[in-house]
Amino acid sequence: MHRELATGKGFADLVYIPRKNVDLPALVIELKHNKSADTAIEQIKNKKYTEKVAEYSGEILLVGISYNDKKEHTCVIEKVSK
């Protein structure tokens, strides 16, 4: 797990890269306060956060999580097509 992983165009909030020989997807997670989960996904794409895990040969999921002061949240998950 990497927090605030430097990507060259910013910092991904959280990145999980599975250990070798583990059949789990890598996750690139962006958190947004009072903005949409779709905005978080767009930031991951626009700032090319997935380039840091490009050498990972398994599935990669983009996760955008939005939350607000009322503790309400939404989540969007997208697969990265290789």
C-alpha atoms as a PDB file:
ATOM      1  CA  MET A   1       0.000   0.000   0.000  1.00  0.00           C
ATOM      2  CA  HIS A   2       1.274   3.457  -0.910  1.00  0.00           C
ATOM      3  CA  ARG A   3      -0.164   6.710   0.471  1.00  0.00           C
ATOM      4  CA  GLU A   4       0.191   9.910  -1.523  1.00  0.00           C
ATOM      5  CA  LEU A   5       2.140   8.100  -4.252  1.00  0.00           C
ATOM      6  CA  ALA A   6       4.000  10.591  -6.446  1.00  0.00           C
ATOM      7  CA  THR A   7       2.994  10.077 -10.060  1.00  0.00           C
ATOM      8  CA  GLY A   8       4.778  12.888 -11.880  1.00  0.00           C
ATOM      9  CA  LYS A   9       1.585  14.924 -12.308  1.00  0.00           C
ATOM     10  CA  GLY A  10       0.398  14.859  -8.711  1.00  0.00           C
ATOM     11  CA  PHE A  11      -0.172  12.364  -5.942  1.00  0.00           C
ATOM     12  CA  ALA A  12      -2.579   9.438  -5.958  1.00  0.00           C
ATOM     13  CA  ASP A  13      -4.262   9.282  -2.536  1.00  0.00           C
ATOM     14  CA  LEU A  14      -3.870   5.509  -2.170  1.00  0.00           C
ATOM     15  CA  VAL A  15      -2.406   2.812  -4.396  1.00  0.00           C
ATOM     16  CA  TYR A  16      -2.542  -0.902  -3.602  1.00  0.00           C
ATOM     17  CA  ILE A  17      -0.304  -3.219  -5.592  1.00  0.00           C
ATOM     18  CA  PRO A  18      -0.726  -6.921  -4.820  1.00  0.00           C
ATOM     19  CA  ARG A  19       2.272  -9.063  -3.993  1.00  0.00           C
ATOM     20  CA  LYS A  20       3.631 -11.340  -6.692  1.00  0.00           C
ATOM     21  CA  ASN A  21       1.664 -14.537  -7.282  1.00  0.00           C
ATOM     22  CA  VAL A  22      -1.491 -13.040  -5.728  1.00  0.00           C
ATOM     23  CA  ASP A  23      -4.514 -12.911  -8.010  1.00  0.00           C
ATOM     24  CA  LEU A  24      -5.969  -9.568  -6.897  1.00  0.00           C
ATOM     25  CA  PRO A  25      -6.363  -6.306  -8.819  1.00  0.00           C
ATOM     26  CA  ALA A  26      -4.181  -3.263  -8.221  1.00  0.00           C
ATOM     27  CA  LEU A  27      -6.216  -0.297  -6.944  1.00  0.00           C
ATOM     28  CA  VAL A  28      -5.708   3.405  -7.589  1.00  0.00           C
ATOM     29  CA  ILE A  29      -7.931   5.303  -5.143  1.00  0.00           C
ATOM     30  CA  GLU A  30      -8.738   9.015  -5.174  1.00  0.00           C
ATOM     31  CA  LEU A  31     -10.777  10.659  -2.408  1.00  0.00           C
ATOM     32  CA  LYS A  32     -12.824  13.834  -2.900  1.00  0.00           C
ATOM     33  CA  HIS A  33     -14.502  15.984  -0.266  1.00  0.00           C
ATOM     34  CA  ASN A  34     -17.696  17.722  -1.465  1.00  0.00           C
ATOM     35  CA  LYS A  35     -16.989  16.754  -5.084  1.00  0.00           C
ATOM     36  CA  SER A  36     -18.304  13.839  -7.114  1.00  0.00           C
ATOM     37  CA  ALA A  37     -16.791  10.375  -7.305  1.00  0.00           C
ATOM     38  CA  ASP A  38     -16.738  10.856 -11.090  1.00  0.00           C
ATOM     39  CA  THR A  39     -14.487  13.892 -10.551  1.00  0.00           C
ATOM     40  CA  ALA A  40     -12.094  11.641  -8.634  1.00  0.00           C
ATOM     41  CA  ILE A  41     -12.027   9.110 -11.506  1.00  0.00           C
ATOM     42  CA  GLU A  42     -11.373  11.898 -14.015  1.00  0.00           C
ATOM     43  CA  GLN A  43      -8.451  13.158 -11.906  1.00  0.00           C
ATOM     44  CA  ILE A  44      -6.927   9.665 -11.883  1.00  0.00           C
ATOM     45  CA  LYS A  45      -7.180   9.551 -15.680  1.00  0.00           C
ATOM     46  CA  ASN A  46      -6.155  13.163 -16.402  1.00  0.00           C
ATOM     47  CA  LYS A  47      -3.102  13.044 -14.153  1.00  0.00           C
ATOM     48  CA  LYS A  48      -2.188   9.549 -15.403  1.00  0.00           C
ATOM     49  CA  TYR A  49      -1.913   8.024 -11.951  1.00  0.00           C
ATOM     50  CA  THR A  50      -2.034   4.522 -13.470  1.00  0.00           C
ATOM     51  CA  GLU A  51       1.371   5.010 -15.105  1.00  0.00           C
ATOM     52  CA  LYS A  52       2.975   4.163 -11.741  1.00  0.00           C
ATOM     53  CA  VAL A  53       1.402   0.691 -11.841  1.00  0.00           C
ATOM     54  CA  ALA A  54       1.696   0.159 -15.608  1.00  0.00           C
ATOM     55  CA  GLU A  55       4.235  -2.642 -15.184  1.00  0.00           C
ATOM     56  CA  TYR A  56       1.721  -4.560 -13.046  1.00  0.00           C
ATOM     57  CA  SER A  57       0.432  -7.358 -15.273  1.00  0.00           C
ATOM     58  CA  GLY A  58      -2.883  -7.980 -13.506  1.00  0.00           C
ATOM     59  CA  GLU A  59      -6.153  -6.099 -13.515  1.00  0.00           C
ATOM     60  CA  ILE A  60      -6.140  -2.442 -12.416  1.00  0.00           C
ATOM     61  CA  LEU A  61      -9.188  -0.786 -10.861  1.00  0.00           C
ATOM     62  CA  LEU A  62      -9.761   2.958 -10.541  1.00  0.00           C
ATOM     63  CA  VAL A  63     -11.719   3.872  -7.420  1.00  0.00           C
ATOM     64  CA  GLY A  64     -13.228   7.316  -6.904  1.00  0.00           C
ATOM     65  CA  ILE A  65     -14.762   8.001  -3.503  1.00  0.00           C
ATOM     66  CA  SER A  66     -16.701  11.140  -2.657  1.00  0.00           C
ATOM     67  CA  TYR A  67     -17.708  12.145   0.857  1.00  0.00           C
ATOM     68  CA  ASN A  68     -19.206  15.195   2.552  1.00  0.00           C
ATOM     69  CA  ASP A  69     -19.640  16.730   6.006  1.00  0.00           C
ATOM     70  CA  LYS A  70     -22.845  14.725   6.581  1.00  0.00           C
ATOM     71  CA  LYS A  71     -20.783  11.516   6.272  1.00  0.00           C
ATOM     72  CA  GLU A  72     -22.570  10.602   3.040  1.00  0.00           C
ATOM     73  CA  HIS A  73     -20.445   8.961   0.395  1.00  0.00           C
ATOM     74  CA  THR A  74     -20.532   7.624  -3.146  1.00  0.00           C
ATOM     75  CA  CYS A  75     -18.109   5.388  -4.966  1.00  0.00           C
ATOM     76  CA  VAL A  76     -17.329   4.729  -8.632  1.00  0.00           C
ATOM     77  CA  ILE A  77     -15.141   1.822  -9.740  1.00  0.00           C
ATOM     78  CA  GLU A  78     -13.775   1.390 -13.276  1.00  0.00           C
ATOM     79  CA  LYS A  79     -11.559  -1.270 -14.808  1.00  0.00           C
ATOM     80  CA  VAL A  80      -8.540  -0.093 -16.761  1.00  0.00           C
ATOM     81  CA  SER A  81      -8.506  -1.686 -20.186  1.00  0.00           C
ATOM     82  CA  LYS A  82      -5.044  -2.727 -21.293  1.00  0.00           C
END
